Amino acid sequence: MDIEVDSNLFKNSKITNKKHSFCGKSEKVIKLVEFDFSHLAGHLVNGNLEAEFQVKIKKMTGFKILKLRNFDDDVAKKFSDVCLMAGKQKFYVSKLFVASHSTYFESLFLGNFQESQKSEIELKEIDSEDFQNFLEVLYGESAINDDTVEGILNLADMYDAKTAIRRCEEFLLEKSKNSIKFKFTLAVKYKLDALKKKCYSELKTTAEIRELVPAKADDFDPFVWKELFLKATSPQ
């Protein structure tokens, strides 16, 4: 874990601020964040301490994310007829079930491709965690959150999985706490019209509109630029 601690100690209208960064493993990093009371005694007022600590976890590695559904256990293997490989991870699934949710896999499994006869198919350059989350959505699990939605949406668009796309858009419309720029960028990239319309409705100032402008102009097509221009020049 890589942790940054920003501490503010208050006394008689004065603020002492310190920022510390810690790196460590397991319980050791937690002990690094602890403060010895003797270090704080000089800031007591009538035995009381007024302080504010903001702890930011900048990076974590080695933590296993709990799966909502296993695609490599005995149950998955028993009811599967194909194994999909993403990275070094194997996913045992039903061809007909996955094909019913994705036109890409429908063509791959049921079309006249060489892969349709294989029992194991490699999906090249696909992140295994994103694919795990994508499959969980297809199988009805609640895998969509602010951290996973972009990866799921990318695969849903790549594999033309309309149910997964719809569920991602519903999450972004109703539950996501991500910024309007993040949502608008996804709405444009993946043609999520309802989400784009909502983003437009939430823009109140020209400064907010400018926030949506991407680093590369080519990221937005001319129609989107026109919509932003009309929004910026229309009476608020």
C-alpha atoms as a PDB file:
ATOM      1  CA  MET A   1       0.000   0.000   0.000  1.00  0.00           C
ATOM      2  CA  ASP A   2       1.102   3.540  -0.801  1.00  0.00           C
ATOM      3  CA  ILE A   3      -0.597   6.002   1.574  1.00  0.00           C
ATOM      4  CA  GLU A   4      -0.551   9.785   1.900  1.00  0.00           C
ATOM      5  CA  VAL A   5      -1.661  11.426   5.172  1.00  0.00           C
ATOM      6  CA  ASP A   6      -2.510  15.123   5.317  1.00  0.00           C
ATOM      7  CA  SER A   7      -2.817  16.284   8.932  1.00  0.00           C
ATOM      8  CA  ASN A   8      -4.161  19.594  10.254  1.00  0.00           C
ATOM      9  CA  LEU A   9      -3.725  20.305  13.971  1.00  0.00           C
ATOM     10  CA  PHE A  10      -5.642  23.311  15.319  1.00  0.00           C
ATOM     11  CA  LYS A  11      -4.719  25.449  18.371  1.00  0.00           C
ATOM     12  CA  ASN A  12      -5.690  29.049  19.173  1.00  0.00           C
ATOM     13  CA  SER A  13      -6.685  29.807  15.567  1.00  0.00           C
ATOM     14  CA  LYS A  14      -3.362  28.475  14.323  1.00  0.00           C
ATOM     15  CA  ILE A  15      -3.068  25.470  12.047  1.00  0.00           C
ATOM     16  CA  THR A  16      -0.091  23.163  11.837  1.00  0.00           C
ATOM     17  CA  ASN A  17      -0.133  21.207   8.608  1.00  0.00           C
ATOM     18  CA  LYS A  18       1.986  18.227   7.690  1.00  0.00           C
ATOM     19  CA  LYS A  19       1.805  15.808   4.796  1.00  0.00           C
ATOM     20  CA  HIS A  20       3.390  12.375   4.993  1.00  0.00           C
ATOM     21  CA  SER A  21       3.651   9.506   2.525  1.00  0.00           C
ATOM     22  CA  PHE A  22       4.067   5.899   3.625  1.00  0.00           C
ATOM     23  CA  CYS A  23       4.742   2.661   1.822  1.00  0.00           C
ATOM     24  CA  GLY A  24       4.592  -0.760   3.383  1.00  0.00           C
ATOM     25  CA  LYS A  25       3.059  -4.213   3.420  1.00  0.00           C
ATOM     26  CA  SER A  26       0.205  -5.744   5.352  1.00  0.00           C
ATOM     27  CA  GLU A  27      -0.285  -4.459   8.908  1.00  0.00           C
ATOM     28  CA  LYS A  28       3.020  -2.546   8.872  1.00  0.00           C
ATOM     29  CA  VAL A  29       1.646   0.251   6.710  1.00  0.00           C
ATOM     30  CA  ILE A  30      -1.290   0.745   9.080  1.00  0.00           C
ATOM     31  CA  LYS A  31       1.102   1.237  12.008  1.00  0.00           C
ATOM     32  CA  LEU A  32       2.917   3.923  10.033  1.00  0.00           C
ATOM     33  CA  VAL A  33      -0.274   5.979   9.945  1.00  0.00           C
ATOM     34  CA  GLU A  34      -0.753   5.823  13.717  1.00  0.00           C
ATOM     35  CA  PHE A  35       0.236   8.861  15.789  1.00  0.00           C
ATOM     36  CA  ASP A  36       1.874   8.700  19.207  1.00  0.00           C
ATOM     37  CA  PHE A  37      -0.085  10.785  21.728  1.00  0.00           C
ATOM     38  CA  SER A  38       3.111  12.507  22.894  1.00  0.00           C
ATOM     39  CA  HIS A  39       3.414  14.099  19.454  1.00  0.00           C
ATOM     40  CA  LEU A  40      -0.043  15.608  19.811  1.00  0.00           C
ATOM     41  CA  ALA A  41       0.178  16.786  23.453  1.00  0.00           C
ATOM     42  CA  GLY A  42       1.464  20.230  22.473  1.00  0.00           C
ATOM     43  CA  HIS A  43      -1.746  20.920  20.577  1.00  0.00           C
ATOM     44  CA  LEU A  44      -4.143  20.167  23.435  1.00  0.00           C
ATOM     45  CA  VAL A  45      -6.480  22.893  24.685  1.00  0.00           C
ATOM     46  CA  ASN A  46      -7.985  22.092  28.100  1.00  0.00           C
ATOM     47  CA  GLY A  47      -7.226  18.456  27.462  1.00  0.00           C
ATOM     48  CA  ASN A  48      -8.966  18.453  24.091  1.00  0.00           C
ATOM     49  CA  LEU A  49      -7.496  18.012  20.650  1.00  0.00           C
ATOM     50  CA  GLU A  50      -8.923  19.566  17.505  1.00  0.00           C
ATOM     51  CA  ALA A  51      -7.488  17.933  14.413  1.00  0.00           C
ATOM     52  CA  GLU A  52      -8.287  16.764  10.928  1.00  0.00           C
ATOM     53  CA  PHE A  53      -6.632  13.846   9.164  1.00  0.00           C
ATOM     54  CA  GLN A  54      -7.151  12.983   5.525  1.00  0.00           C
ATOM     55  CA  VAL A  55      -5.799   9.586   4.508  1.00  0.00           C
ATOM     56  CA  LYS A  56      -5.489   8.887   0.793  1.00  0.00           C
ATOM     57  CA  ILE A  57      -4.686   5.399  -0.484  1.00  0.00           C
ATOM     58  CA  LYS A  58      -2.715   6.112  -3.654  1.00  0.00           C
ATOM     59  CA  LYS A  59      -2.001   2.529  -4.653  1.00  0.00           C
ATOM     60  CA  MET A  60      -2.791  -1.004  -3.494  1.00  0.00           C
ATOM     61  CA  THR A  61      -1.440  -4.262  -4.846  1.00  0.00           C
ATOM     62  CA  GLY A  62      -1.865  -7.869  -3.844  1.00  0.00           C
ATOM     63  CA  PHE A  63      -5.518  -7.531  -2.812  1.00  0.00           C
ATOM     64  CA  LYS A  64      -7.911 -10.100  -4.243  1.00  0.00           C
ATOM     65  CA  ILE A  65     -11.214  -8.705  -5.480  1.00  0.00           C
ATOM     66  CA  LEU A  66     -14.178 -10.833  -4.444  1.00  0.00           C
ATOM     67  CA  LYS A  67     -15.857 -12.389  -7.478  1.00  0.00           C
ATOM     68  CA  LEU A  68     -19.621 -12.320  -7.698  1.00  0.00           C
ATOM     69  CA  ARG A  69     -19.558 -15.472  -9.844  1.00  0.00           C
ATOM     70  CA  ASN A  70     -16.874 -18.056 -10.544  1.00  0.00           C
ATOM     71  CA  PHE A  71     -16.270 -19.052 -14.138  1.00  0.00           C
ATOM     72  CA  ASP A  72     -13.486 -21.532 -13.418  1.00  0.00           C
ATOM     73  CA  ASP A  73     -14.888 -23.768 -10.676  1.00  0.00           C
ATOM     74  CA  ASP A  74     -16.352 -27.253 -11.018  1.00  0.00           C
ATOM     75  CA  VAL A  75     -19.915 -25.968 -11.443  1.00  0.00           C
ATOM     76  CA  ALA A  76     -18.929 -23.631 -14.274  1.00  0.00           C
ATOM     77  CA  LYS A  77     -16.984 -26.415 -15.995  1.00  0.00           C
ATOM     78  CA  LYS A  78     -19.890 -28.864 -15.665  1.00  0.00           C
ATOM     79  CA  PHE A  79     -22.380 -26.621 -17.470  1.00  0.00           C
ATOM     80  CA  SER A  80     -20.020 -25.088 -20.043  1.00  0.00           C
ATOM     81  CA  ASP A  81     -19.184 -26.124 -23.581  1.00  0.00           C
ATOM     82  CA  VAL A  82     -16.386 -23.637 -24.275  1.00  0.00           C
ATOM     83  CA  CYS A  83     -13.474 -22.089 -22.403  1.00  0.00           C
ATOM     84  CA  LEU A  84     -12.579 -18.476 -23.136  1.00  0.00           C
ATOM     85  CA  MET A  85      -9.092 -17.303 -22.196  1.00  0.00           C
ATOM     86  CA  ALA A  86      -8.440 -13.657 -21.316  1.00  0.00           C
ATOM     87  CA  GLY A  87      -4.886 -13.050 -20.238  1.00  0.00           C
ATOM     88  CA  LYS A  88      -3.892 -16.067 -18.156  1.00  0.00           C
ATOM     89  CA  GLN A  89      -7.393 -16.667 -16.797  1.00  0.00           C
ATOM     90  CA  LYS A  90      -9.866 -19.250 -18.084  1.00  0.00           C
ATOM     91  CA  PHE A  91     -13.613 -18.636 -18.206  1.00  0.00           C
ATOM     92  CA  TYR A  92     -15.915 -21.631 -18.695  1.00  0.00           C
ATOM     93  CA  VAL A  93     -19.226 -20.515 -20.209  1.00  0.00           C
ATOM     94  CA  SER A  94     -22.197 -21.692 -22.240  1.00  0.00           C
ATOM     95  CA  LYS A  95     -21.920 -20.854 -25.945  1.00  0.00           C
ATOM     96  CA  LEU A  96     -25.669 -20.416 -26.411  1.00  0.00           C
ATOM     97  CA  PHE A  97     -26.082 -18.226 -23.336  1.00  0.00           C
ATOM     98  CA  VAL A  98     -23.215 -15.859 -24.188  1.00  0.00           C
ATOM     99  CA  ALA A  99     -24.205 -15.842 -27.884  1.00  0.00           C
ATOM    100  CA  SER A 100     -27.751 -14.808 -26.943  1.00  0.00           C
ATOM    101  CA  HIS A 101     -26.336 -11.616 -25.380  1.00  0.00           C
ATOM    102  CA  SER A 102     -23.650 -10.756 -27.938  1.00  0.00           C
ATOM    103  CA  THR A 103     -23.757 -10.693 -31.744  1.00  0.00           C
ATOM    104  CA  TYR A 104     -19.957 -11.001 -31.773  1.00  0.00           C
ATOM    105  CA  PHE A 105     -20.018 -14.279 -29.865  1.00  0.00           C
ATOM    106  CA  GLU A 106     -23.068 -15.428 -31.801  1.00  0.00           C
ATOM    107  CA  SER A 107     -21.020 -15.198 -35.004  1.00  0.00           C
ATOM    108  CA  LEU A 108     -17.924 -16.667 -33.325  1.00  0.00           C
ATOM    109  CA  PHE A 109     -19.689 -19.666 -31.781  1.00  0.00           C
ATOM    110  CA  LEU A 110     -22.452 -20.368 -34.296  1.00  0.00           C
ATOM    111  CA  GLY A 111     -20.995 -19.073 -37.557  1.00  0.00           C
ATOM    112  CA  ASN A 112     -18.709 -20.647 -40.093  1.00  0.00           C
ATOM    113  CA  PHE A 113     -15.531 -19.745 -38.254  1.00  0.00           C
ATOM    114  CA  GLN A 114     -12.791 -22.160 -37.295  1.00  0.00           C
ATOM    115  CA  GLU A 115     -13.186 -21.087 -33.657  1.00  0.00           C
ATOM    116  CA  SER A 116     -16.761 -22.419 -33.570  1.00  0.00           C
ATOM    117  CA  GLN A 117     -15.345 -25.959 -33.428  1.00  0.00           C
ATOM    118  CA  LYS A 118     -12.819 -25.239 -30.690  1.00  0.00           C
ATOM    119  CA  SER A 119     -13.357 -26.035 -27.016  1.00  0.00           C
ATOM    120  CA  GLU A 120     -10.887 -23.329 -25.959  1.00  0.00           C
ATOM    121  CA  ILE A 121     -10.652 -19.868 -27.527  1.00  0.00           C
ATOM    122  CA  GLU A 122      -8.117 -17.164 -26.698  1.00  0.00           C
ATOM    123  CA  LEU A 123      -9.348 -13.576 -26.536  1.00  0.00           C
ATOM    124  CA  LYS A 124      -6.271 -11.520 -27.297  1.00  0.00           C
ATOM    125  CA  GLU A 125      -5.436  -8.228 -25.556  1.00  0.00           C
ATOM    126  CA  ILE A 126      -8.435  -8.476 -23.206  1.00  0.00           C
ATOM    127  CA  ASP A 127      -8.022  -7.591 -19.534  1.00  0.00           C
ATOM    128  CA  SER A 128      -9.122 -10.560 -17.418  1.00  0.00           C
ATOM    129  CA  GLU A 129     -10.696  -8.413 -14.672  1.00  0.00           C
ATOM    130  CA  ASP A 130     -12.732  -6.436 -17.191  1.00  0.00           C
ATOM    131  CA  PHE A 131     -13.857  -9.680 -18.817  1.00  0.00           C
ATOM    132  CA  GLN A 132     -14.800 -11.139 -15.428  1.00  0.00           C
ATOM    133  CA  ASN A 133     -16.966  -8.100 -14.730  1.00  0.00           C
ATOM    134  CA  PHE A 134     -18.451  -8.208 -18.237  1.00  0.00           C
ATOM    135  CA  LEU A 135     -19.474 -11.855 -17.871  1.00  0.00           C
ATOM    136  CA  GLU A 136     -20.935 -11.179 -14.423  1.00  0.00           C
ATOM    137  CA  VAL A 137     -23.191  -8.543 -15.975  1.00  0.00           C
ATOM    138  CA  LEU A 138     -24.315 -10.980 -18.683  1.00  0.00           C
ATOM    139  CA  TYR A 139     -25.117 -13.540 -15.993  1.00  0.00           C
ATOM    140  CA  GLY A 140     -27.227 -11.035 -14.052  1.00  0.00           C
ATOM    141  CA  GLU A 141     -24.814 -10.043 -11.292  1.00  0.00           C
ATOM    142  CA  SER A 142     -24.483  -6.484  -9.950  1.00  0.00           C
ATOM    143  CA  ALA A 143     -20.912  -5.955 -11.132  1.00  0.00           C
ATOM    144  CA  ILE A 144     -21.293  -2.374 -12.344  1.00  0.00           C
ATOM    145  CA  ASN A 145     -19.879   0.401 -10.168  1.00  0.00           C
ATOM    146  CA  ASP A 146     -17.875   3.588 -10.698  1.00  0.00           C
ATOM    147  CA  ASP A 147     -14.629   1.622 -10.908  1.00  0.00           C
ATOM    148  CA  THR A 148     -15.803  -1.085 -13.324  1.00  0.00           C
ATOM    149  CA  VAL A 149     -18.299   0.651 -15.605  1.00  0.00           C
ATOM    150  CA  GLU A 150     -15.791   1.909 -18.187  1.00  0.00           C
ATOM    151  CA  GLY A 151     -14.117  -1.474 -18.643  1.00  0.00           C
ATOM    152  CA  ILE A 152     -17.466  -3.265 -18.897  1.00  0.00           C
ATOM    153  CA  LEU A 153     -18.814  -0.705 -21.339  1.00  0.00           C
ATOM    154  CA  ASN A 154     -15.720  -1.029 -23.529  1.00  0.00           C
ATOM    155  CA  LEU A 155     -16.174  -4.807 -23.844  1.00  0.00           C
ATOM    156  CA  ALA A 156     -19.950  -4.516 -24.229  1.00  0.00           C
ATOM    157  CA  ASP A 157     -19.422  -2.173 -27.160  1.00  0.00           C
ATOM    158  CA  MET A 158     -16.661  -4.344 -28.645  1.00  0.00           C
ATOM    159  CA  TYR A 159     -18.807  -7.481 -28.438  1.00  0.00           C
ATOM    160  CA  ASP A 160     -22.110  -5.737 -29.271  1.00  0.00           C
ATOM    161  CA  ALA A 161     -23.745  -6.848 -26.023  1.00  0.00           C
ATOM    162  CA  LYS A 162     -26.788  -4.578 -25.911  1.00  0.00           C
ATOM    163  CA  THR A 163     -28.071  -5.708 -22.505  1.00  0.00           C
ATOM    164  CA  ALA A 164     -24.721  -4.916 -20.880  1.00  0.00           C
ATOM    165  CA  ILE A 165     -24.603  -1.526 -22.638  1.00  0.00           C
ATOM    166  CA  ARG A 166     -28.107  -0.708 -21.415  1.00  0.00           C
ATOM    167  CA  ARG A 167     -27.287  -1.686 -17.833  1.00  0.00           C
ATOM    168  CA  CYS A 168     -24.118   0.436 -17.886  1.00  0.00           C
ATOM    169  CA  GLU A 169     -26.070   3.435 -19.162  1.00  0.00           C
ATOM    170  CA  GLU A 170     -28.737   2.946 -16.490  1.00  0.00           C
ATOM    171  CA  PHE A 171     -26.032   2.916 -13.824  1.00  0.00           C
ATOM    172  CA  LEU A 172     -24.433   6.088 -15.200  1.00  0.00           C
ATOM    173  CA  LEU A 173     -27.836   7.776 -15.335  1.00  0.00           C
ATOM    174  CA  GLU A 174     -29.072   6.809 -11.878  1.00  0.00           C
ATOM    175  CA  LYS A 175     -26.256   5.830  -9.523  1.00  0.00           C
ATOM    176  CA  SER A 176     -22.828   6.941 -10.708  1.00  0.00           C
ATOM    177  CA  LYS A 177     -20.938   9.509  -8.630  1.00  0.00           C
ATOM    178  CA  ASN A 178     -18.377  10.109 -11.376  1.00  0.00           C
ATOM    179  CA  SER A 179     -17.929  13.592 -12.821  1.00  0.00           C
ATOM    180  CA  ILE A 180     -20.143  14.915 -15.586  1.00  0.00           C
ATOM    181  CA  LYS A 181     -17.070  15.044 -17.850  1.00  0.00           C
ATOM    182  CA  PHE A 182     -16.433  11.330 -17.309  1.00  0.00           C
ATOM    183  CA  LYS A 183     -20.074  10.504 -18.047  1.00  0.00           C
ATOM    184  CA  PHE A 184     -20.252  12.773 -21.082  1.00  0.00           C
ATOM    185  CA  THR A 185     -17.052  11.302 -22.537  1.00  0.00           C
ATOM    186  CA  LEU A 186     -18.491   7.786 -22.244  1.00  0.00           C
ATOM    187  CA  ALA A 187     -21.830   8.951 -23.636  1.00  0.00           C
ATOM    188  CA  VAL A 188     -20.141  10.347 -26.748  1.00  0.00           C
ATOM    189  CA  LYS A 189     -17.732   7.445 -27.221  1.00  0.00           C
ATOM    190  CA  TYR A 190     -20.363   4.719 -26.881  1.00  0.00           C
ATOM    191  CA  LYS A 191     -23.358   6.628 -28.295  1.00  0.00           C
ATOM    192  CA  LEU A 192     -25.382   6.637 -25.070  1.00  0.00           C
ATOM    193  CA  ASP A 193     -28.023   9.152 -26.126  1.00  0.00           C
ATOM    194  CA  ALA A 194     -30.033   9.213 -22.892  1.00  0.00           C
ATOM    195  CA  LEU A 195     -26.897   9.816 -20.835  1.00  0.00           C
ATOM    196  CA  LYS A 196     -25.680  12.521 -23.196  1.00  0.00           C
ATOM    197  CA  LYS A 197     -29.060  14.253 -22.992  1.00  0.00           C
ATOM    198  CA  LYS A 198     -28.926  14.204 -19.192  1.00  0.00           C
ATOM    199  CA  CYS A 199     -25.392  15.619 -19.197  1.00  0.00           C
ATOM    200  CA  TYR A 200     -26.535  18.484 -21.420  1.00  0.00           C
ATOM    201  CA  SER A 201     -29.441  19.206 -19.068  1.00  0.00           C
ATOM    202  CA  GLU A 202     -27.068  19.506 -16.086  1.00  0.00           C
ATOM    203  CA  LEU A 203     -24.812  22.097 -17.751  1.00  0.00           C
ATOM    204  CA  LYS A 204     -25.626  25.535 -16.315  1.00  0.00           C
ATOM    205  CA  THR A 205     -22.619  27.718 -17.130  1.00  0.00           C
ATOM    206  CA  THR A 206     -20.131  28.169 -19.969  1.00  0.00           C
ATOM    207  CA  ALA A 207     -17.365  27.166 -17.557  1.00  0.00           C
ATOM    208  CA  GLU A 208     -19.069  23.789 -17.048  1.00  0.00           C
ATOM    209  CA  ILE A 209     -19.354  23.385 -20.816  1.00  0.00           C
ATOM    210  CA  ARG A 210     -15.656  24.150 -21.255  1.00  0.00           C
ATOM    211  CA  GLU A 211     -14.861  21.418 -18.739  1.00  0.00           C
ATOM    212  CA  LEU A 212     -16.215  18.859 -21.204  1.00  0.00           C
ATOM    213  CA  VAL A 213     -13.774  19.811 -23.960  1.00  0.00           C
ATOM    214  CA  PRO A 214     -11.372  16.886 -24.597  1.00  0.00           C
ATOM    215  CA  ALA A 215      -7.604  17.171 -24.941  1.00  0.00           C
ATOM    216  CA  LYS A 216      -7.891  15.977 -28.549  1.00  0.00           C
ATOM    217  CA  ALA A 217     -10.495  17.657 -30.754  1.00  0.00           C
ATOM    218  CA  ASP A 218     -10.930  14.457 -32.795  1.00  0.00           C
ATOM    219  CA  ASP A 219     -12.397  12.711 -29.737  1.00  0.00           C
ATOM    220  CA  PHE A 220     -15.698  14.499 -30.526  1.00  0.00           C
ATOM    221  CA  ASP A 221     -17.349  14.396 -33.938  1.00  0.00           C
ATOM    222  CA  PRO A 222     -18.599  17.636 -35.600  1.00  0.00           C
ATOM    223  CA  PHE A 223     -22.175  17.030 -34.426  1.00  0.00           C
ATOM    224  CA  VAL A 224     -21.109  16.948 -30.759  1.00  0.00           C
ATOM    225  CA  TRP A 225     -19.072  20.134 -31.212  1.00  0.00           C
ATOM    226  CA  LYS A 226     -22.146  21.771 -32.745  1.00  0.00           C
ATOM    227  CA  GLU A 227     -24.307  20.716 -29.796  1.00  0.00           C
ATOM    228  CA  LEU A 228     -21.772  22.104 -27.314  1.00  0.00           C
ATOM    229  CA  PHE A 229     -21.549  25.375 -29.240  1.00  0.00           C
ATOM    230  CA  LEU A 230     -25.323  25.769 -29.310  1.00  0.00           C
ATOM    231  CA  LYS A 231     -25.506  24.967 -25.590  1.00  0.00           C
ATOM    232  CA  ALA A 232     -22.793  27.523 -24.796  1.00  0.00           C
ATOM    233  CA  THR A 233     -24.459  30.294 -26.832  1.00  0.00           C
ATOM    234  CA  SER A 234     -28.052  29.659 -25.827  1.00  0.00           C
ATOM    235  CA  PRO A 235     -29.664  31.667 -22.976  1.00  0.00           C
ATOM    236  CA  GLN A 236     -29.186  29.912 -19.656  1.00  0.00           C
END
